[in-house]
Amino acid sequence: MASVFGLDRKAAIALSGELTSIRASLASLGSDIDEARSNTGAPEVEGALVRFVHGSADSRGNLDQLLARAIGLVNGLIDGTGAVDAGLARALGPAGAPLSAAPDLAGGLGGALGLAAAGAP
């Protein structure tokens, strides 16, 4: 059952960073296209870029909201499993051990539960 709760925290942190980067790129798309538009030298290309920016505004806005939600969910998962790991490490460790003595478990909650199931301190 411990494997059901496993989390690769490094991968989750990397995913959060990538989603944040995608969101930032999406946010700057309009200004990037405006800048490129003035450098094309072709009215047809400039017109197409303007139509694209205006025509995709709603979709980009919706995607921005979805990315913000996904980032929040991933960060919540990271924070939540970290809190559970710390609590389990305190509960499974020596009585009165300070929080700083809690191990940083690579497997996330699954790692802590795996240690508990194995009878590890």
PDB file of N, CA and C in Angstrom:
ATOM      1  N   MET A   1       0.805  -1.191   0.000  1.00  0.00           N
ATOM      2  CA  MET A   1       0.000   0.000   0.000  1.00  0.00           C
ATOM      3  C   MET A   1       0.857   1.267   0.000  1.00  0.00           C
ATOM      4  N   ALA A   2       2.041   1.187   0.540  1.00  0.00           N
ATOM      5  CA  ALA A   2       2.908   2.370   0.607  1.00  0.00           C
ATOM      6  C   ALA A   2       3.204   2.917  -0.784  1.00  0.00           C
ATOM      7  N   SER A   3       3.305   2.049  -1.772  1.00  0.00           N
ATOM      8  CA  SER A   3       3.638   2.511  -3.120  1.00  0.00           C
ATOM      9  C   SER A   3       2.528   3.374  -3.721  1.00  0.00           C
ATOM     10  N   VAL A   4       1.312   3.242  -3.227  1.00  0.00           N
ATOM     11  CA  VAL A   4       0.204   4.044  -3.727  1.00  0.00           C
ATOM     12  C   VAL A   4       0.427   5.519  -3.411  1.00  0.00           C
ATOM     13  N   PHE A   5       1.115   5.795  -2.292  1.00  0.00           N
ATOM     14  CA  PHE A   5       1.306   7.160  -1.841  1.00  0.00           C
ATOM     15  C   PHE A   5       2.668   7.728  -2.224  1.00  0.00           C
ATOM     16  N   GLY A   6       3.427   7.039  -3.032  1.00  0.00           N
ATOM     17  CA  GLY A   6       4.768   7.485  -3.382  1.00  0.00           C
ATOM     18  C   GLY A   6       4.759   8.774  -4.181  1.00  0.00           C
ATOM     19  N   LEU A   7       5.756   9.593  -3.948  1.00  0.00           N
ATOM     20  CA  LEU A   7       5.918  10.838  -4.701  1.00  0.00           C
ATOM     21  C   LEU A   7       7.397  11.087  -4.893  1.00  0.00           C
ATOM     22  N   ASP A   8       7.781  11.269  -6.121  1.00  0.00           N
ATOM     23  CA  ASP A   8       9.149  11.676  -6.418  1.00  0.00           C
ATOM     24  C   ASP A   8       9.166  13.198  -6.311  1.00  0.00           C
ATOM     25  N   ARG A   9       9.575  13.701  -5.137  1.00  0.00           N
ATOM     26  CA  ARG A   9       9.523  15.140  -4.870  1.00  0.00           C
ATOM     27  C   ARG A   9      10.356  15.937  -5.865  1.00  0.00           C
ATOM     28  N   LYS A  10      11.506  15.419  -6.242  1.00  0.00           N
ATOM     29  CA  LYS A  10      12.350  16.144  -7.200  1.00  0.00           C
ATOM     30  C   LYS A  10      11.634  16.286  -8.542  1.00  0.00           C
ATOM     31  N   ALA A  11      10.977  15.222  -8.978  1.00  0.00           N
ATOM     32  CA  ALA A  11      10.236  15.276 -10.243  1.00  0.00           C
ATOM     33  C   ALA A  11       9.055  16.232 -10.132  1.00  0.00           C
ATOM     34  N   ALA A  12       8.364  16.222  -8.996  1.00  0.00           N
ATOM     35  CA  ALA A  12       7.222  17.120  -8.799  1.00  0.00           C
ATOM     36  C   ALA A  12       7.681  18.579  -8.771  1.00  0.00           C
ATOM     37  N   ILE A  13       8.794  18.842  -8.133  1.00  0.00           N
ATOM     38  CA  ILE A  13       9.341  20.207  -8.096  1.00  0.00           C
ATOM     39  C   ILE A  13       9.753  20.639  -9.504  1.00  0.00           C
ATOM     40  N   ALA A  14      10.365  19.724 -10.252  1.00  0.00           N
ATOM     41  CA  ALA A  14      10.749  20.034 -11.635  1.00  0.00           C
ATOM     42  C   ALA A  14       9.502  20.300 -12.487  1.00  0.00           C
ATOM     43  N   LEU A  15       8.454  19.496 -12.292  1.00  0.00           N
ATOM     44  CA  LEU A  15       7.209  19.697 -13.032  1.00  0.00           C
ATOM     45  C   LEU A  15       6.614  21.064 -12.729  1.00  0.00           C
ATOM     46  N   SER A  16       6.593  21.446 -11.472  1.00  0.00           N
ATOM     47  CA  SER A  16       6.077  22.755 -11.086  1.00  0.00           C
ATOM     48  C   SER A  16       6.878  23.867 -11.773  1.00  0.00           C
ATOM     49  N   GLY A  17       8.180  23.725 -11.810  1.00  0.00           N
ATOM     50  CA  GLY A  17       9.029  24.713 -12.479  1.00  0.00           C
ATOM     51  C   GLY A  17       8.759  24.786 -13.975  1.00  0.00           C
ATOM     52  N   GLU A  18       8.576  23.632 -14.597  1.00  0.00           N
ATOM     53  CA  GLU A  18       8.290  23.615 -16.036  1.00  0.00           C
ATOM     54  C   GLU A  18       6.941  24.252 -16.342  1.00  0.00           C
ATOM     55  N   LEU A  19       5.932  23.939 -15.525  1.00  0.00           N
ATOM     56  CA  LEU A  19       4.616  24.541 -15.730  1.00  0.00           C
ATOM     57  C   LEU A  19       4.679  26.060 -15.545  1.00  0.00           C
ATOM     58  N   THR A  20       5.449  26.501 -14.566  1.00  0.00           N
ATOM     59  CA  THR A  20       5.624  27.941 -14.337  1.00  0.00           C
ATOM     60  C   THR A  20       6.306  28.589 -15.532  1.00  0.00           C
ATOM     61  N   SER A  21       7.289  27.917 -16.091  1.00  0.00           N
ATOM     62  CA  SER A  21       7.993  28.434 -17.262  1.00  0.00           C
ATOM     63  C   SER A  21       7.062  28.521 -18.475  1.00  0.00           C
ATOM     64  N   ILE A  22       6.244  27.498 -18.662  1.00  0.00           N
ATOM     65  CA  ILE A  22       5.280  27.506 -19.771  1.00  0.00           C
ATOM     66  C   ILE A  22       4.296  28.656 -19.597  1.00  0.00           C
ATOM     67  N   ARG A  23       3.845  28.845 -18.365  1.00  0.00           N
ATOM     68  CA  ARG A  23       2.891  29.932 -18.091  1.00  0.00           C
ATOM     69  C   ARG A  23       3.534  31.295 -18.378  1.00  0.00           C
ATOM     70  N   ALA A  24       4.777  31.476 -17.991  1.00  0.00           N
ATOM     71  CA  ALA A  24       5.473  32.741 -18.253  1.00  0.00           C
ATOM     72  C   ALA A  24       5.640  32.960 -19.755  1.00  0.00           C
ATOM     73  N   SER A  25       5.975  31.914 -20.480  1.00  0.00           N
ATOM     74  CA  SER A  25       6.117  32.029 -21.937  1.00  0.00           C
ATOM     75  C   SER A  25       4.791  32.389 -22.586  1.00  0.00           C
ATOM     76  N   LEU A  26       3.731  31.789 -22.097  1.00  0.00           N
ATOM     77  CA  LEU A  26       2.399  32.076 -22.620  1.00  0.00           C
ATOM     78  C   LEU A  26       2.023  33.526 -22.354  1.00  0.00           C
ATOM     79  N   ALA A  27       2.351  34.013 -21.171  1.00  0.00           N
ATOM     80  CA  ALA A  27       2.023  35.391 -20.807  1.00  0.00           C
ATOM     81  C   ALA A  27       2.771  36.393 -21.677  1.00  0.00           C
ATOM     82  N   SER A  28       3.980  36.066 -22.074  1.00  0.00           N
ATOM     83  CA  SER A  28       4.768  37.008 -22.878  1.00  0.00           C
ATOM     84  C   SER A  28       4.541  36.829 -24.378  1.00  0.00           C
ATOM     85  N   LEU A  29       3.704  35.877 -24.762  1.00  0.00           N
ATOM     86  CA  LEU A  29       3.495  35.596 -26.184  1.00  0.00           C
ATOM     87  C   LEU A  29       2.999  36.817 -26.944  1.00  0.00           C
ATOM     88  N   GLY A  30       2.027  37.533 -26.387  1.00  0.00           N
ATOM     89  CA  GLY A  30       1.482  38.699 -27.083  1.00  0.00           C
ATOM     90  C   GLY A  30       2.529  39.750 -27.345  1.00  0.00           C
ATOM     91  N   SER A  31       3.339  40.064 -26.337  1.00  0.00           N
ATOM     92  CA  SER A  31       4.366  41.089 -26.539  1.00  0.00           C
ATOM     93  C   SER A  31       5.471  40.589 -27.465  1.00  0.00           C
ATOM     94  N   ASP A  32       5.789  39.302 -27.385  1.00  0.00           N
ATOM     95  CA  ASP A  32       6.796  38.738 -28.284  1.00  0.00           C
ATOM     96  C   ASP A  32       6.331  38.823 -29.736  1.00  0.00           C
ATOM     97  N   ILE A  33       5.057  38.542 -29.951  1.00  0.00           N
ATOM     98  CA  ILE A  33       4.522  38.602 -31.315  1.00  0.00           C
ATOM     99  C   ILE A  33       4.453  40.046 -31.790  1.00  0.00           C
ATOM    100  N   ASP A  34       4.081  40.964 -30.901  1.00  0.00           N
ATOM    101  CA  ASP A  34       4.056  42.386 -31.283  1.00  0.00           C
ATOM    102  C   ASP A  34       5.438  42.844 -31.723  1.00  0.00           C
ATOM    103  N   GLU A  35       6.443  42.409 -30.992  1.00  0.00           N
ATOM    104  CA  GLU A  35       7.815  42.771 -31.340  1.00  0.00           C
ATOM    105  C   GLU A  35       8.212  42.154 -32.677  1.00  0.00           C
ATOM    106  N   ALA A  36       7.879  40.898 -32.892  1.00  0.00           N
ATOM    107  CA  ALA A  36       8.218  40.217 -34.146  1.00  0.00           C
ATOM    108  C   ALA A  36       7.448  40.818 -35.312  1.00  0.00           C
ATOM    109  N   ARG A  37       6.211  41.234 -35.049  1.00  0.00           N
ATOM    110  CA  ARG A  37       5.361  41.779 -36.107  1.00  0.00           C
ATOM    111  C   ARG A  37       6.004  43.000 -36.756  1.00  0.00           C
ATOM    112  N   SER A  38       6.610  43.829 -35.948  1.00  0.00           N
ATOM    113  CA  SER A  38       7.215  45.042 -36.511  1.00  0.00           C
ATOM    114  C   SER A  38       8.492  44.741 -37.296  1.00  0.00           C
ATOM    115  N   ASN A  39       8.998  43.545 -37.174  1.00  0.00           N
ATOM    116  CA  ASN A  39      10.239  43.175 -37.868  1.00  0.00           C
ATOM    117  C   ASN A  39      10.010  42.331 -39.109  1.00  0.00           C
ATOM    118  N   THR A  40       8.770  41.999 -39.431  1.00  0.00           N
ATOM    119  CA  THR A  40       8.539  41.094 -40.562  1.00  0.00           C
ATOM    120  C   THR A  40       8.749  41.759 -41.905  1.00  0.00           C
ATOM    121  N   GLY A  41       8.329  43.016 -42.009  1.00  0.00           N
ATOM    122  CA  GLY A  41       8.466  43.714 -43.284  1.00  0.00           C
ATOM    123  C   GLY A  41       7.423  43.313 -44.304  1.00  0.00           C
ATOM    124  N   ALA A  42       6.496  42.446 -43.933  1.00  0.00           N
ATOM    125  CA  ALA A  42       5.450  42.000 -44.856  1.00  0.00           C
ATOM    126  C   ALA A  42       4.082  42.255 -44.218  1.00  0.00           C
ATOM    127  N   PRO A  43       3.273  43.076 -44.833  1.00  0.00           N
ATOM    128  CA  PRO A  43       1.951  43.388 -44.267  1.00  0.00           C
ATOM    129  C   PRO A  43       1.075  42.148 -44.056  1.00  0.00           C
ATOM    130  N   GLU A  44       1.196  41.159 -44.945  1.00  0.00           N
ATOM    131  CA  GLU A  44       0.386  39.943 -44.810  1.00  0.00           C
ATOM    132  C   GLU A  44       0.763  39.174 -43.543  1.00  0.00           C
ATOM    133  N   VAL A  45       2.052  39.105 -43.274  1.00  0.00           N
ATOM    134  CA  VAL A  45       2.522  38.396 -42.083  1.00  0.00           C
ATOM    135  C   VAL A  45       2.119  39.174 -40.835  1.00  0.00           C
ATOM    136  N   GLU A  46       2.270  40.485 -40.886  1.00  0.00           N
ATOM    137  CA  GLU A  46       1.874  41.315 -39.746  1.00  0.00           C
ATOM    138  C   GLU A  46       0.387  41.140 -39.445  1.00  0.00           C
ATOM    139  N   GLY A  47      -0.426  41.135 -40.483  1.00  0.00           N
ATOM    140  CA  GLY A  47      -1.872  40.950 -40.315  1.00  0.00           C
ATOM    141  C   GLY A  47      -2.200  39.589 -39.714  1.00  0.00           C
ATOM    142  N   ALA A  48      -1.514  38.566 -40.184  1.00  0.00           N
ATOM    143  CA  ALA A  48      -1.743  37.215 -39.654  1.00  0.00           C
ATOM    144  C   ALA A  48      -1.365  37.135 -38.179  1.00  0.00           C
ATOM    145  N   LEU A  49      -0.268  37.783 -37.823  1.00  0.00           N
ATOM    146  CA  LEU A  49       0.142  37.783 -36.417  1.00  0.00           C
ATOM    147  C   LEU A  49      -0.874  38.511 -35.536  1.00  0.00           C
ATOM    148  N   VAL A  50      -1.386  39.631 -36.019  1.00  0.00           N
ATOM    149  CA  VAL A  50      -2.393  40.383 -35.267  1.00  0.00           C
ATOM    150  C   VAL A  50      -3.649  39.526 -35.085  1.00  0.00           C
ATOM    151  N   ARG A  51      -4.093  38.880 -36.155  1.00  0.00           N
ATOM    152  CA  ARG A  51      -5.281  38.026 -36.066  1.00  0.00           C
ATOM    153  C   ARG A  51      -5.049  36.864 -35.102  1.00  0.00           C
ATOM    154  N   PHE A  52      -3.854  36.305 -35.123  1.00  0.00           N
ATOM    155  CA  PHE A  52      -3.547  35.199 -34.213  1.00  0.00           C
ATOM    156  C   PHE A  52      -3.610  35.644 -32.759  1.00  0.00           C
ATOM    157  N   VAL A  53      -2.976  36.786 -32.453  1.00  0.00           N
ATOM    158  CA  VAL A  53      -2.961  37.275 -31.069  1.00  0.00           C
ATOM    159  C   VAL A  53      -4.378  37.557 -30.597  1.00  0.00           C
ATOM    160  N   HIS A  54      -5.165  38.232 -31.408  1.00  0.00           N
ATOM    161  CA  HIS A  54      -6.537  38.562 -31.001  1.00  0.00           C
ATOM    162  C   HIS A  54      -7.419  37.316 -30.981  1.00  0.00           C
ATOM    163  N   GLY A  55      -7.270  36.437 -31.954  1.00  0.00           N
ATOM    164  CA  GLY A  55      -8.105  35.243 -32.045  1.00  0.00           C
ATOM    165  C   GLY A  55      -7.803  34.197 -30.985  1.00  0.00           C
ATOM    166  N   SER A  56      -6.601  34.220 -30.445  1.00  0.00           N
ATOM    167  CA  SER A  56      -6.229  33.202 -29.456  1.00  0.00           C
ATOM    168  C   SER A  56      -6.267  33.724 -28.027  1.00  0.00           C
ATOM    169  N   ALA A  57      -6.698  34.975 -27.843  1.00  0.00           N
ATOM    170  CA  ALA A  57      -6.674  35.581 -26.506  1.00  0.00           C
ATOM    171  C   ALA A  57      -7.500  34.782 -25.504  1.00  0.00           C
ATOM    172  N   ASP A  58      -8.712  34.379 -25.876  1.00  0.00           N
ATOM    173  CA  ASP A  58      -9.553  33.607 -24.957  1.00  0.00           C
ATOM    174  C   ASP A  58      -8.922  32.260 -24.621  1.00  0.00           C
ATOM    175  N   SER A  59      -8.410  31.586 -25.635  1.00  0.00           N
ATOM    176  CA  SER A  59      -7.785  30.281 -25.404  1.00  0.00           C
ATOM    177  C   SER A  59      -6.546  30.406 -24.532  1.00  0.00           C
ATOM    178  N   ARG A  60      -5.755  31.441 -24.783  1.00  0.00           N
ATOM    179  CA  ARG A  60      -4.560  31.656 -23.964  1.00  0.00           C
ATOM    180  C   ARG A  60      -4.942  31.996 -22.528  1.00  0.00           C
ATOM    181  N   GLY A  61      -6.014  32.754 -22.353  1.00  0.00           N
ATOM    182  CA  GLY A  61      -6.491  33.075 -21.012  1.00  0.00           C
ATOM    183  C   GLY A  61      -6.955  31.831 -20.268  1.00  0.00           C
ATOM    184  N   ASN A  62      -7.701  30.976 -20.973  1.00  0.00           N
ATOM    185  CA  ASN A  62      -8.154  29.722 -20.361  1.00  0.00           C
ATOM    186  C   ASN A  62      -6.974  28.821 -20.012  1.00  0.00           C
ATOM    187  N   LEU A  63      -6.020  28.735 -20.915  1.00  0.00           N
ATOM    188  CA  LEU A  63      -4.838  27.913 -20.656  1.00  0.00           C
ATOM    189  C   LEU A  63      -4.040  28.462 -19.479  1.00  0.00           C
ATOM    190  N   ASP A  64      -3.954  29.780 -19.373  1.00  0.00           N
ATOM    191  CA  ASP A  64      -3.257  30.391 -18.245  1.00  0.00           C
ATOM    192  C   ASP A  64      -3.920  29.998 -16.928  1.00  0.00           C
ATOM    193  N   GLN A  65      -5.240  30.028 -16.887  1.00  0.00           N
ATOM    194  CA  GLN A  65      -5.965  29.639 -15.671  1.00  0.00           C
ATOM    195  C   GLN A  65      -5.727  28.166 -15.340  1.00  0.00           C
ATOM    196  N   LEU A  66      -5.739  27.317 -16.343  1.00  0.00           N
ATOM    197  CA  LEU A  66      -5.500  25.882 -16.119  1.00  0.00           C
ATOM    198  C   LEU A  66      -4.081  25.631 -15.622  1.00  0.00           C
ATOM    199  N   LEU A  67      -3.119  26.346 -16.205  1.00  0.00           N
ATOM    200  CA  LEU A  67      -1.734  26.195 -15.753  1.00  0.00           C
ATOM    201  C   LEU A  67      -1.578  26.675 -14.308  1.00  0.00           C
ATOM    202  N   ALA A  68      -2.212  27.782 -13.965  1.00  0.00           N
ATOM    203  CA  ALA A  68      -2.140  28.288 -12.588  1.00  0.00           C
ATOM    204  C   ALA A  68      -2.719  27.261 -11.628  1.00  0.00           C
ATOM    205  N   ARG A  69      -3.820  26.656 -12.004  1.00  0.00           N
ATOM    206  CA  ARG A  69      -4.446  25.629 -11.152  1.00  0.00           C
ATOM    207  C   ARG A  69      -3.541  24.416 -11.017  1.00  0.00           C
ATOM    208  N   ALA A  70      -2.966  23.961 -12.127  1.00  0.00           N
ATOM    209  CA  ALA A  70      -2.075  22.800 -12.092  1.00  0.00           C
ATOM    210  C   ALA A  70      -0.857  23.070 -11.219  1.00  0.00           C
ATOM    211  N   ILE A  71      -0.292  24.258 -11.338  1.00  0.00           N
ATOM    212  CA  ILE A  71       0.870  24.631 -10.515  1.00  0.00           C
ATOM    213  C   ILE A  71       0.483  24.596  -9.043  1.00  0.00           C
ATOM    214  N   GLY A  72      -0.672  25.143  -8.718  1.00  0.00           N
ATOM    215  CA  GLY A  72      -1.140  25.136  -7.334  1.00  0.00           C
ATOM    216  C   GLY A  72      -1.350  23.725  -6.805  1.00  0.00           C
ATOM    217  N   LEU A  73      -1.924  22.857  -7.628  1.00  0.00           N
ATOM    218  CA  LEU A  73      -2.154  21.475  -7.207  1.00  0.00           C
ATOM    219  C   LEU A  73      -0.842  20.726  -6.983  1.00  0.00           C
ATOM    220  N   VAL A  74       0.096  20.889  -7.899  1.00  0.00           N
ATOM    221  CA  VAL A  74       1.390  20.219  -7.754  1.00  0.00           C
ATOM    222  C   VAL A  74       2.121  20.745  -6.520  1.00  0.00           C
ATOM    223  N   ASN A  75       2.110  22.060  -6.325  1.00  0.00           N
ATOM    224  CA  ASN A  75       2.771  22.627  -5.144  1.00  0.00           C
ATOM    225  C   ASN A  75       2.090  22.165  -3.861  1.00  0.00           C
ATOM    226  N   GLY A  76       0.772  22.046  -3.877  1.00  0.00           N
ATOM    227  CA  GLY A  76       0.047  21.520  -2.721  1.00  0.00           C
ATOM    228  C   GLY A  76       0.430  20.085  -2.429  1.00  0.00           C
ATOM    229  N   LEU A  77       0.597  19.292  -3.477  1.00  0.00           N
ATOM    230  CA  LEU A  77       1.020  17.907  -3.313  1.00  0.00           C
ATOM    231  C   LEU A  77       2.419  17.835  -2.707  1.00  0.00           C
ATOM    232  N   ILE A  78       3.302  18.682  -3.191  1.00  0.00           N
ATOM    233  CA  ILE A  78       4.673  18.717  -2.662  1.00  0.00           C
ATOM    234  C   ILE A  78       4.653  19.107  -1.187  1.00  0.00           C
ATOM    235  N   ASP A  79       3.944  20.180  -0.867  1.00  0.00           N
ATOM    236  CA  ASP A  79       3.885  20.651   0.516  1.00  0.00           C
ATOM    237  C   ASP A  79       3.208  19.632   1.423  1.00  0.00           C
ATOM    238  N   GLY A  80       2.108  19.064   0.951  1.00  0.00           N
ATOM    239  CA  GLY A  80       1.356  18.097   1.759  1.00  0.00           C
ATOM    240  C   GLY A  80       2.143  16.838   2.065  1.00  0.00           C
ATOM    241  N   THR A  81       2.796  16.295   1.051  1.00  0.00           N
ATOM    242  CA  THR A  81       3.575  15.074   1.305  1.00  0.00           C
ATOM    243  C   THR A  81       4.785  15.375   2.179  1.00  0.00           C
ATOM    244  N   GLY A  82       5.346  16.568   2.039  1.00  0.00           N
ATOM    245  CA  GLY A  82       6.462  16.954   2.912  1.00  0.00           C
ATOM    246  C   GLY A  82       6.019  17.030   4.362  1.00  0.00           C
ATOM    247  N   ALA A  83       4.843  17.605   4.596  1.00  0.00           N
ATOM    248  CA  ALA A  83       4.322  17.704   5.963  1.00  0.00           C
ATOM    249  C   ALA A  83       4.013  16.326   6.538  1.00  0.00           C
ATOM    250  N   VAL A  84       3.434  15.456   5.721  1.00  0.00           N
ATOM    251  CA  VAL A  84       3.127  14.102   6.193  1.00  0.00           C
ATOM    252  C   VAL A  84       4.417  13.339   6.460  1.00  0.00           C
ATOM    253  N   ASP A  85       5.399  13.473   5.574  1.00  0.00           N
ATOM    254  CA  ASP A  85       6.688  12.812   5.786  1.00  0.00           C
ATOM    255  C   ASP A  85       7.314  13.253   7.099  1.00  0.00           C
ATOM    256  N   ALA A  86       7.302  14.553   7.351  1.00  0.00           N
ATOM    257  CA  ALA A  86       7.908  15.065   8.581  1.00  0.00           C
ATOM    258  C   ALA A  86       7.158  14.543   9.803  1.00  0.00           C
ATOM    259  N   GLY A  87       5.830  14.539   9.730  1.00  0.00           N
ATOM    260  CA  GLY A  87       5.035  14.024  10.845  1.00  0.00           C
ATOM    261  C   GLY A  87       5.277  12.558  11.091  1.00  0.00           C
ATOM    262  N   LEU A  88       5.345  11.774  10.030  1.00  0.00           N
ATOM    263  CA  LEU A  88       5.607  10.344  10.180  1.00  0.00           C
ATOM    264  C   LEU A  88       7.012  10.098  10.714  1.00  0.00           C
ATOM    265  N   ALA A  89       7.964  10.878  10.228  1.00  0.00           N
ATOM    266  CA  ALA A  89       9.343  10.701  10.699  1.00  0.00           C
ATOM    267  C   ALA A  89       9.434  11.003  12.191  1.00  0.00           C
ATOM    268  N   ARG A  90       8.709  12.046  12.632  1.00  0.00           N
ATOM    269  CA  ARG A  90       8.686  12.359  14.072  1.00  0.00           C
ATOM    270  C   ARG A  90       8.021  11.234  14.851  1.00  0.00           C
ATOM    271  N   ALA A  91       6.900  10.746  14.324  1.00  0.00           N
ATOM    272  CA  ALA A  91       6.149   9.709  15.026  1.00  0.00           C
ATOM    273  C   ALA A  91       6.904   8.390  15.071  1.00  0.00           C
ATOM    274  N   LEU A  92       7.660   8.093  14.025  1.00  0.00           N
ATOM    275  CA  LEU A  92       8.368   6.818  13.947  1.00  0.00           C
ATOM    276  C   LEU A  92       9.766   6.882  14.535  1.00  0.00           C
ATOM    277  N   GLY A  93      10.249   8.117  14.758  1.00  0.00           N
ATOM    278  CA  GLY A  93      11.603   8.291  15.279  1.00  0.00           C
ATOM    279  C   GLY A  93      11.632   8.167  16.788  1.00  0.00           C
ATOM    280  N   PRO A  94      12.801   8.397  17.356  1.00  0.00           N
ATOM    281  CA  PRO A  94      12.933   8.336  18.807  1.00  0.00           C
ATOM    282  C   PRO A  94      12.025   9.366  19.481  1.00  0.00           C
ATOM    283  N   ALA A  95      11.483   9.011  20.629  1.00  0.00           N
ATOM    284  CA  ALA A  95      10.592   9.914  21.359  1.00  0.00           C
ATOM    285  C   ALA A  95      11.307  11.230  21.652  1.00  0.00           C
ATOM    286  N   GLY A  96      10.625  12.336  21.391  1.00  0.00           N
ATOM    287  CA  GLY A  96      11.183  13.650  21.686  1.00  0.00           C
ATOM    288  C   GLY A  96      12.195  14.140  20.669  1.00  0.00           C
ATOM    289  N   ALA A  97      12.368  13.430  19.550  1.00  0.00           N
ATOM    290  CA  ALA A  97      13.334  13.869  18.541  1.00  0.00           C
ATOM    291  C   ALA A  97      12.838  15.150  17.889  1.00  0.00           C
ATOM    292  N   PRO A  98      13.703  16.133  17.709  1.00  0.00           N
ATOM    293  CA  PRO A  98      13.278  17.382  17.075  1.00  0.00           C
ATOM    294  C   PRO A  98      12.964  17.166  15.602  1.00  0.00           C
ATOM    295  N   LEU A  99      12.185  18.079  15.035  1.00  0.00           N
ATOM    296  CA  LEU A  99      11.807  17.983  13.631  1.00  0.00           C
ATOM    297  C   LEU A  99      13.032  17.944  12.728  1.00  0.00           C
ATOM    298  N   SER A 100      14.080  18.659  13.088  1.00  0.00           N
ATOM    299  CA  SER A 100      15.275  18.700  12.239  1.00  0.00           C
ATOM    300  C   SER A 100      15.947  17.336  12.149  1.00  0.00           C
ATOM    301  N   ALA A 101      15.598  16.432  13.081  1.00  0.00           N
ATOM    302  CA  ALA A 101      16.176  15.085  13.032  1.00  0.00           C
ATOM    303  C   ALA A 101      15.425  14.182  12.073  1.00  0.00           C
ATOM    304  N   ALA A 102      14.296  14.675  11.538  1.00  0.00           N
ATOM    305  CA  ALA A 102      13.503  13.864  10.620  1.00  0.00           C
ATOM    306  C   ALA A 102      14.268  13.679   9.318  1.00  0.00           C
ATOM    307  N   PRO A 103      14.332  12.445   8.820  1.00  0.00           N
ATOM    308  CA  PRO A 103      15.061  12.210   7.568  1.00  0.00           C
ATOM    309  C   PRO A 103      14.318  12.794   6.379  1.00  0.00           C
ATOM    310  N   ASP A 104      15.062  13.162   5.347  1.00  0.00           N
ATOM    311  CA  ASP A 104      14.471  13.609   4.098  1.00  0.00           C
ATOM    312  C   ASP A 104      14.302  12.370   3.237  1.00  0.00           C
ATOM    313  N   LEU A 105      13.101  11.870   3.168  1.00  0.00           N
ATOM    314  CA  LEU A 105      12.838  10.609   2.488  1.00  0.00           C
ATOM    315  C   LEU A 105      12.657  10.834   1.001  1.00  0.00           C
ATOM    316  N   ALA A 106      13.461  10.148   0.217  1.00  0.00           N
ATOM    317  CA  ALA A 106      13.416  10.339  -1.232  1.00  0.00           C
ATOM    318  C   ALA A 106      12.101   9.896  -1.831  1.00  0.00           C
ATOM    319  N   GLY A 107      11.452   8.921  -1.235  1.00  0.00           N
ATOM    320  CA  GLY A 107      10.224   8.384  -1.807  1.00  0.00           C
ATOM    321  C   GLY A 107       8.981   9.116  -1.384  1.00  0.00           C
ATOM    322  N   GLY A 108       9.092  10.228  -0.729  1.00  0.00           N
ATOM    323  CA  GLY A 108       7.919  10.955  -0.284  1.00  0.00           C
ATOM    324  C   GLY A 108       7.147  10.138   0.723  1.00  0.00           C
ATOM    325  N   LEU A 109       5.844  10.304   0.737  1.00  0.00           N
ATOM    326  CA  LEU A 109       4.995   9.597   1.694  1.00  0.00           C
ATOM    327  C   LEU A 109       5.184   8.104   1.564  1.00  0.00           C
ATOM    328  N   GLY A 110       5.333   7.612   0.347  1.00  0.00           N
ATOM    329  CA  GLY A 110       5.563   6.185   0.147  1.00  0.00           C
ATOM    330  C   GLY A 110       6.836   5.729   0.834  1.00  0.00           C
ATOM    331  N   GLY A 111       7.868   6.568   0.803  1.00  0.00           N
ATOM    332  CA  GLY A 111       9.119   6.225   1.471  1.00  0.00           C
ATOM    333  C   GLY A 111       8.935   6.129   2.964  1.00  0.00           C
ATOM    334  N   ALA A 112       8.192   7.071   3.546  1.00  0.00           N
ATOM    335  CA  ALA A 112       7.947   7.048   4.992  1.00  0.00           C
ATOM    336  C   ALA A 112       7.114   5.833   5.370  1.00  0.00           C
ATOM    337  N   LEU A 113       6.075   5.552   4.593  1.00  0.00           N
ATOM    338  CA  LEU A 113       5.248   4.394   4.900  1.00  0.00           C
ATOM    339  C   LEU A 113       6.017   3.101   4.697  1.00  0.00           C
ATOM    340  N   GLY A 114       6.887   3.099   3.704  1.00  0.00           N
ATOM    341  CA  GLY A 114       7.727   1.915   3.484  1.00  0.00           C
ATOM    342  C   GLY A 114       8.642   1.675   4.654  1.00  0.00           C
ATOM    343  N   LEU A 115       9.226   2.742   5.220  1.00  0.00           N
ATOM    344  CA  LEU A 115      10.075   2.596   6.410  1.00  0.00           C
ATOM    345  C   LEU A 115       9.251   2.099   7.580  1.00  0.00           C
ATOM    346  N   ALA A 116       8.021   2.620   7.742  1.00  0.00           N
ATOM    347  CA  ALA A 116       7.168   2.192   8.839  1.00  0.00           C
ATOM    348  C   ALA A 116       6.809   0.724   8.689  1.00  0.00           C
ATOM    349  N   ALA A 117       6.480   0.293   7.480  1.00  0.00           N
ATOM    350  CA  ALA A 117       6.098  -1.095   7.252  1.00  0.00           C
ATOM    351  C   ALA A 117       7.262  -2.037   7.488  1.00  0.00           C
ATOM    352  N   ALA A 118       8.474  -1.554   7.216  1.00  0.00           N
ATOM    353  CA  ALA A 118       9.658  -2.380   7.401  1.00  0.00           C
ATOM    354  C   ALA A 118      10.118  -2.388   8.854  1.00  0.00           C
ATOM    355  N   GLY A 119       9.482  -1.536   9.673  1.00  0.00           N
ATOM    356  CA  GLY A 119       9.870  -1.460  11.091  1.00  0.00           C
ATOM    357  C   GLY A 119      11.099  -0.618  11.305  1.00  0.00           C
ATOM    358  N   ALA A 120      11.463   0.210  10.340  1.00  0.00           N
ATOM    359  CA  ALA A 120      12.651   1.050  10.489  1.00  0.00           C
ATOM    360  C   ALA A 120      12.353   2.211  11.418  1.00  0.00           C
ATOM    361  N   PRO A 121      13.348   2.658  12.210  1.00  0.00           N
ATOM    362  CA  PRO A 121      13.117   3.798  13.100  1.00  0.00           C
ATOM    363  C   PRO A 121      12.999   5.094  12.334  1.00  0.00           C
TER     364      PRO A 121
END
